[in-house]
Amino acid sequence: MKRLRGLFLLTLLVVILPLLFPDNYYVTVVAVSAALHAILAVGLNLLMGYAGLISLGHAAFFGIGAYTSGIVTTRFGLDPWSAMAAGMLLTGTIAFVMARPILRLKGHYLAMATLGLGIIVQIVLVQTEELTGGPDGLGGIPPLSLFGWEVDSDLRWYMLMSAVMLLVVWLALNIIDSRSGRALRALHGSEVAAEMMGIDTTVTKTGVFVVAALSASLAGSLFAHQQAFISPDSFNFFFSIELVTMVVLGGMASTFGAVFGAFVLTFLPELLVIFEDYEVMIFGAILMLMMIFLPQGLFVGLRDLLRRLLQQQRAPAPAPVVPAGEDKHDAA
């Protein structure tokens, strides 16, 4: 019930913002990127926050989805929605094939393996110039249209991206509350204990890895059709680190925390444009400070603080202490 209440509040916020600020740049432009990042962060949070599996190459699946949509629509003339489905199919297949060898590793070895996967994908995108356009990128990607309604303005992209974000959040909440979600939490606690409880840890890890990859592919396709141009620089290692920072900032194992972290780290560069050359350094400093002083995440920390304050206000006032030997009526 609490999760549904949180989803309702998030939906209400998404609907109200463009009504209150119809011509605001931060609502119609920056919030589109924030919603896109939230889709990525929610999927990555399932992998990192709930299953406890580190990934430093999540941008690879984002890039595969984007380039599949771009290539299929510009080179082969397929419609964008079919291209999006093709991107998710390709990404899911690659994730499924790579999951078993990669997810046998743990800790730093797993992080290095996912980092290697991300680097390999970016190299392929750069080197296959005939197909991807190489370092110059791929342009001319057509916009999306739905039942004759073309998504051709910032406000329409805000509406579509926000709707997809809410759908992904709803799916993530359902996964968390399901048997699979309980298996993920058990896996995070102890893989050996999870196996003793009858959980197939290999299937569980593979499943969450594929789900996270599919959400990244979906975001990549949306990104390609929104921008109409993509290049390998948008899917590099630094973007993977930025996604990890979003998850950690909001709070691991918190779906709404992942959304919160995505919005904060999307709006932050816009508010601190004078530090553009130090963006990676700022993200690194935020990640380090969060792990030291607020390891549960900013969103979770603020939520817990608010709960404590409300509990203190609701708690009854303590009865006055009556000194020994003094009559209670006299004290009154």
Protein backbone atom coordinates (compact mmCIF):
# COMPACT_ATOMS: atom_id res chain seq x y z
CA MET A 1 0.00 0.00 0.00
CA LYS A 2 2.85 2.37 0.83
CA ARG A 3 4.48 1.66 -2.53
CA LEU A 4 1.24 2.44 -4.38
CA ARG A 5 0.93 5.66 -2.40
CA GLY A 6 4.44 6.61 -3.47
CA LEU A 7 3.63 5.81 -7.10
CA PHE A 8 0.48 7.95 -6.87
CA LEU A 9 2.46 10.89 -5.49
CA LEU A 10 5.07 10.53 -8.23
CA THR A 11 2.32 10.45 -10.88
CA LEU A 12 0.69 13.51 -9.35
CA LEU A 13 4.01 15.38 -9.43
CA VAL A 14 4.60 14.45 -13.07
CA VAL A 15 1.13 15.71 -14.05
CA ILE A 16 1.23 18.93 -12.02
CA LEU A 17 4.68 20.20 -13.05
CA PRO A 18 3.87 21.13 -16.69
CA LEU A 19 0.59 22.69 -15.55
CA LEU A 20 2.34 24.93 -13.03
CA PHE A 21 5.31 25.74 -15.29
CA PRO A 22 4.13 25.25 -18.90
CA ASP A 23 7.01 27.16 -20.52
CA ASN A 24 9.73 26.30 -18.01
CA TYR A 25 12.94 24.99 -19.57
CA TYR A 26 13.65 22.73 -16.59
CA VAL A 27 10.26 21.03 -16.91
CA THR A 28 9.95 20.61 -20.68
CA VAL A 29 13.61 19.89 -21.48
CA VAL A 30 15.68 18.86 -18.45
CA ALA A 31 12.90 16.74 -16.91
CA VAL A 32 12.80 14.67 -20.11
CA SER A 33 16.42 13.67 -19.55
CA ALA A 34 15.70 13.12 -15.85
CA ALA A 35 12.85 10.72 -16.65
CA LEU A 36 15.10 8.89 -19.12
CA HIS A 37 17.82 8.56 -16.49
CA ALA A 38 15.22 7.37 -13.97
CA ILE A 39 14.29 4.49 -16.30
CA LEU A 40 17.95 3.48 -16.41
CA ALA A 41 18.50 3.94 -12.67
CA VAL A 42 15.42 1.92 -11.64
CA GLY A 43 16.60 -1.04 -13.74
CA LEU A 44 20.15 -0.78 -12.43
CA ASN A 45 18.83 -0.54 -8.88
CA LEU A 46 17.16 -3.93 -9.26
CA LEU A 47 20.55 -5.35 -10.17
CA MET A 48 22.71 -3.49 -7.65
CA GLY A 49 20.39 -2.49 -4.83
CA TYR A 50 18.28 -5.64 -4.53
CA ALA A 51 20.46 -8.42 -5.98
CA GLY A 52 23.76 -6.91 -4.82
CA LEU A 53 25.43 -7.34 -8.23
CA ILE A 54 27.81 -4.57 -9.27
CA SER A 55 27.67 -3.31 -12.86
CA LEU A 56 29.97 -0.71 -14.37
CA GLY A 57 28.88 -1.31 -17.94
CA HIS A 58 25.16 -0.52 -17.89
CA ALA A 59 25.67 2.10 -20.59
CA ALA A 60 26.49 -0.75 -22.99
CA PHE A 61 22.89 -1.99 -23.02
CA PHE A 62 21.70 1.60 -23.30
CA GLY A 63 23.87 1.98 -26.40
CA ILE A 64 22.80 -1.33 -27.96
CA GLY A 65 19.13 -0.32 -27.71
CA ALA A 66 19.80 3.14 -29.12
CA TYR A 67 21.92 1.97 -32.05
CA THR A 68 19.57 -0.90 -32.91
CA SER A 69 16.67 1.54 -33.19
CA GLY A 70 18.79 4.01 -35.14
CA ILE A 71 20.22 1.46 -37.57
CA VAL A 72 16.99 -0.45 -38.19
CA THR A 73 14.99 2.71 -38.91
CA THR A 74 17.58 4.57 -41.01
CA ARG A 75 19.22 1.67 -42.86
CA PHE A 76 16.30 -0.74 -43.28
CA GLY A 77 13.25 1.52 -43.09
CA LEU A 78 11.51 -0.29 -40.22
CA ASP A 79 9.03 1.70 -38.12
CA PRO A 80 10.34 3.02 -34.76
CA TRP A 81 8.18 0.80 -32.53
CA SER A 82 9.29 -2.37 -34.32
CA ALA A 83 12.86 -1.10 -34.11
CA MET A 84 12.43 -0.60 -30.37
CA ALA A 85 11.20 -4.19 -30.01
CA ALA A 86 14.15 -5.41 -32.09
CA GLY A 87 16.54 -3.49 -29.84
CA MET A 88 15.07 -5.06 -26.71
CA LEU A 89 15.20 -8.52 -28.29
CA LEU A 90 18.87 -8.10 -29.27
CA THR A 91 19.81 -6.60 -25.92
CA GLY A 92 17.97 -9.28 -23.96
CA THR A 93 19.68 -12.01 -25.98
CA ILE A 94 23.15 -10.53 -25.43
CA ALA A 95 22.44 -10.05 -21.72
CA PHE A 96 21.20 -13.64 -21.38
CA VAL A 97 24.25 -15.08 -23.15
CA MET A 98 26.71 -12.92 -21.17
CA ALA A 99 24.97 -13.33 -17.79
CA ARG A 100 26.07 -16.85 -16.94
CA PRO A 101 29.85 -16.41 -17.42
CA ILE A 102 29.91 -12.86 -16.01
CA LEU A 103 27.68 -13.45 -12.99
CA ARG A 104 29.82 -16.32 -11.77
CA LEU A 105 32.22 -13.63 -10.65
CA LYS A 106 31.82 -11.62 -7.47
CA GLY A 107 32.87 -8.26 -6.06
CA HIS A 108 35.66 -6.44 -7.87
CA TYR A 109 35.96 -9.20 -10.49
CA LEU A 110 32.32 -8.77 -11.46
CA ALA A 111 32.77 -4.99 -11.63
CA MET A 112 35.77 -5.39 -13.94
CA ALA A 113 33.92 -7.88 -16.16
CA THR A 114 30.95 -5.55 -16.64
CA LEU A 115 33.37 -2.67 -17.24
CA GLY A 116 35.05 -4.75 -19.94
CA LEU A 117 31.69 -5.47 -21.56
CA GLY A 118 30.94 -1.75 -21.71
CA ILE A 119 34.32 -0.96 -23.27
CA ILE A 120 33.93 -3.72 -25.88
CA VAL A 121 30.50 -2.42 -26.93
CA GLN A 122 31.80 1.12 -27.29
CA ILE A 123 34.76 -0.05 -29.39
CA VAL A 124 32.38 -1.96 -31.68
CA LEU A 125 30.22 1.15 -32.08
CA VAL A 126 33.28 3.20 -33.05
CA GLN A 127 34.88 0.67 -35.40
CA THR A 128 31.85 -0.44 -37.43
CA GLU A 129 31.61 2.82 -39.36
CA GLU A 130 29.62 1.41 -42.28
CA LEU A 131 26.81 0.45 -39.94
CA THR A 132 26.98 2.84 -36.98
CA GLY A 133 28.64 5.88 -38.51
CA GLY A 134 31.68 5.39 -36.29
CA PRO A 135 32.93 8.31 -34.18
CA ASP A 136 30.84 10.74 -36.26
CA GLY A 137 27.64 9.14 -35.03
CA LEU A 138 24.37 8.24 -36.69
CA GLY A 139 21.79 10.86 -37.67
CA GLY A 140 18.43 11.09 -39.38
CA ILE A 141 16.65 8.89 -36.82
CA PRO A 142 12.87 9.42 -37.22
CA PRO A 143 10.67 10.56 -34.30
CA LEU A 144 8.11 8.37 -32.61
CA SER A 145 4.41 8.52 -33.41
CA LEU A 146 1.50 6.86 -31.64
CA PHE A 147 -1.88 6.46 -33.34
CA GLY A 148 -1.08 9.37 -35.62
CA TRP A 149 0.12 11.48 -32.68
CA GLU A 150 3.71 12.44 -33.48
CA VAL A 151 6.03 13.10 -30.57
CA ASP A 152 7.61 16.22 -32.03
CA SER A 153 7.82 18.71 -29.15
CA ASP A 154 9.53 18.94 -25.78
CA LEU A 155 6.22 18.83 -23.91
CA ARG A 156 5.09 15.71 -25.78
CA TRP A 157 8.42 14.04 -25.08
CA TYR A 158 7.99 14.93 -21.44
CA MET A 159 4.57 13.26 -21.40
CA LEU A 160 5.80 10.12 -23.18
CA MET A 161 9.04 9.77 -21.20
CA SER A 162 7.24 10.34 -17.91
CA ALA A 163 4.60 7.73 -18.80
CA VAL A 164 7.31 5.16 -19.60
CA MET A 165 9.14 6.05 -16.38
CA LEU A 166 5.97 5.49 -14.33
CA LEU A 167 5.39 2.17 -16.10
CA VAL A 168 8.95 1.02 -15.35
CA VAL A 169 8.60 2.10 -11.69
CA TRP A 170 5.31 0.20 -11.41
CA LEU A 171 6.87 -2.94 -12.92
CA ALA A 172 9.88 -2.66 -10.59
CA LEU A 173 7.59 -2.34 -7.54
CA ASN A 174 5.68 -5.43 -8.64
CA ILE A 175 8.90 -7.39 -9.10
CA ILE A 176 10.11 -6.35 -5.64
CA ASP A 177 6.84 -7.46 -4.00
CA SER A 178 6.80 -10.77 -5.85
CA ARG A 179 8.50 -14.08 -5.10
CA SER A 180 11.33 -13.04 -7.42
CA GLY A 181 11.85 -9.90 -5.35
CA ARG A 182 12.15 -11.94 -2.17
CA ALA A 183 14.65 -14.18 -3.94
CA LEU A 184 16.68 -11.11 -4.94
CA ARG A 185 16.82 -9.87 -1.35
CA ALA A 186 17.83 -13.32 -0.12
CA LEU A 187 20.54 -13.45 -2.77
CA HIS A 188 21.81 -10.05 -1.66
CA GLY A 189 21.99 -11.20 1.95
CA SER A 190 23.84 -14.45 1.29
CA GLU A 191 24.05 -16.50 -1.88
CA VAL A 192 24.81 -19.67 0.07
CA ALA A 193 21.84 -19.13 2.40
CA ALA A 194 19.60 -18.43 -0.60
CA GLU A 195 20.62 -21.74 -2.18
CA MET A 196 19.94 -23.54 1.12
CA MET A 197 16.40 -22.09 0.99
CA GLY A 198 15.86 -23.67 -2.44
CA ILE A 199 16.42 -20.54 -4.56
CA ASP A 200 18.05 -21.14 -7.94
CA THR A 201 20.59 -18.33 -7.69
CA THR A 202 21.84 -18.75 -11.26
CA VAL A 203 18.35 -18.28 -12.71
CA THR A 204 17.63 -15.40 -10.32
CA LYS A 205 20.83 -13.52 -11.19
CA THR A 206 20.36 -14.12 -14.91
CA GLY A 207 16.77 -12.92 -14.75
CA VAL A 208 17.51 -9.64 -12.98
CA PHE A 209 20.49 -9.02 -15.28
CA VAL A 210 18.26 -9.43 -18.35
CA VAL A 211 15.49 -7.25 -16.86
CA ALA A 212 17.98 -4.45 -16.11
CA ALA A 213 19.37 -4.75 -19.66
CA LEU A 214 15.88 -4.59 -21.19
CA SER A 215 15.01 -1.40 -19.31
CA ALA A 216 18.30 0.12 -20.49
CA SER A 217 17.55 -0.89 -24.08
CA LEU A 218 14.09 0.68 -23.88
CA ALA A 219 15.64 3.91 -22.59
CA GLY A 220 18.24 3.78 -25.36
CA SER A 221 15.60 3.51 -28.08
CA LEU A 222 13.65 6.42 -26.61
CA PHE A 223 16.86 8.44 -26.43
CA ALA A 224 17.71 7.74 -30.08
CA HIS A 225 14.29 8.78 -31.39
CA GLN A 226 14.18 11.84 -29.16
CA GLN A 227 17.62 13.13 -30.12
CA ALA A 228 17.44 12.00 -33.79
CA PHE A 229 21.24 11.63 -33.53
CA ILE A 230 23.47 9.33 -31.48
CA SER A 231 27.22 8.87 -31.12
CA PRO A 232 29.40 6.46 -29.09
CA ASP A 233 30.31 9.24 -26.65
CA SER A 234 26.81 9.06 -25.15
CA PHE A 235 27.38 5.45 -24.01
CA ASN A 236 30.86 5.55 -22.52
CA PHE A 237 32.27 4.41 -19.17
CA PHE A 238 31.65 7.76 -17.51
CA PHE A 239 27.93 7.52 -18.17
CA SER A 240 27.89 4.10 -16.48
CA ILE A 241 29.57 5.67 -13.45
CA GLU A 242 26.96 8.44 -13.49
CA LEU A 243 24.18 5.84 -13.40
CA VAL A 244 25.82 4.06 -10.46
CA THR A 245 26.07 7.42 -8.68
CA MET A 246 22.35 8.02 -9.22
CA VAL A 247 21.49 4.70 -7.59
CA VAL A 248 23.84 5.23 -4.65
CA LEU A 249 22.77 8.84 -4.15
CA GLY A 250 19.07 8.02 -4.00
CA GLY A 251 19.52 4.90 -1.91
CA MET A 252 20.28 1.33 -2.90
CA ALA A 253 17.29 -1.05 -2.67
CA SER A 254 14.88 1.89 -3.01
CA THR A 255 12.99 2.28 -6.28
CA PHE A 256 11.84 5.79 -5.50
CA GLY A 257 15.37 6.54 -4.28
CA ALA A 258 16.70 5.63 -7.73
CA VAL A 259 14.19 8.04 -9.32
CA PHE A 260 15.18 10.73 -6.82
CA GLY A 261 18.89 10.22 -7.51
CA ALA A 262 18.31 10.38 -11.27
CA PHE A 263 16.44 13.67 -11.01
CA VAL A 264 19.01 15.23 -8.65
CA LEU A 265 22.01 14.31 -10.78
CA THR A 266 20.25 15.43 -13.98
CA PHE A 267 19.29 18.84 -12.63
CA LEU A 268 22.56 19.37 -10.73
CA PRO A 269 24.77 19.98 -13.83
CA GLU A 270 22.18 22.46 -15.11
CA LEU A 271 22.38 24.38 -11.87
CA LEU A 272 26.18 24.22 -11.71
CA VAL A 273 27.08 24.94 -15.34
CA ILE A 274 30.17 26.87 -14.29
CA PHE A 275 31.70 23.58 -13.09
CA GLU A 276 31.09 21.72 -16.35
CA ASP A 277 34.77 20.78 -16.74
CA TYR A 278 34.72 19.14 -13.32
CA GLU A 279 31.51 17.13 -13.75
CA VAL A 280 33.17 13.72 -13.33
CA MET A 281 35.09 14.94 -10.29
CA ILE A 282 31.88 16.25 -8.70
CA PHE A 283 30.10 12.93 -9.31
CA GLY A 284 33.03 11.08 -7.76
CA ALA A 285 33.03 13.36 -4.72
CA ILE A 286 29.26 12.90 -4.28
CA LEU A 287 29.62 9.13 -4.49
CA MET A 288 32.47 9.10 -1.95
CA LEU A 289 30.71 11.40 0.54
CA MET A 290 27.47 9.45 0.28
CA MET A 291 29.22 6.15 1.00
CA ILE A 292 30.99 7.65 4.03
CA PHE A 293 28.32 9.79 5.67
CA LEU A 294 24.99 8.50 4.29
CA PRO A 295 25.47 4.95 2.97
CA GLN A 296 21.71 4.30 2.93
CA GLY A 297 21.27 7.08 0.34
CA LEU A 298 20.00 10.64 0.40
CA PHE A 299 16.37 9.77 -0.34
CA VAL A 300 16.25 6.99 2.25
CA GLY A 301 18.07 9.17 4.80
CA LEU A 302 15.65 12.07 4.33
CA ARG A 303 12.68 9.71 4.47
CA ASP A 304 13.87 8.15 7.73
CA LEU A 305 14.56 11.59 9.22
CA LEU A 306 11.05 12.76 8.30
CA ARG A 307 9.55 9.65 9.89
CA ARG A 308 11.44 10.25 13.14
CA LEU A 309 10.28 13.86 13.26
CA LEU A 310 6.65 12.83 12.71
CA GLN A 311 6.90 10.16 15.38
CA GLN A 312 8.29 12.69 17.85
CA GLN A 313 5.40 15.05 17.14
CA ARG A 314 2.81 12.31 17.54
CA ALA A 315 4.35 10.90 20.73
CA PRO A 316 2.40 11.94 23.90
CA ALA A 317 4.05 14.47 26.17
CA PRO A 318 5.75 12.83 29.19
CA ALA A 319 3.88 13.11 32.50
CA PRO A 320 5.34 15.60 35.01
CA VAL A 321 7.64 14.05 37.58
CA VAL A 322 6.24 14.35 41.12
CA PRO A 323 8.90 14.64 43.85
CA ALA A 324 8.80 11.92 46.50
CA GLY A 325 6.57 12.77 49.44
CA GLU A 326 4.55 15.39 47.52
CA ASP A 327 0.85 14.82 46.99
CA LYS A 328 -0.15 14.43 43.32
CA HIS A 329 -3.05 16.87 43.77
CA ASP A 330 -0.68 19.47 45.21
CA ALA A 331 1.67 18.97 42.27
CA ALA A 332 -1.22 19.57 39.92
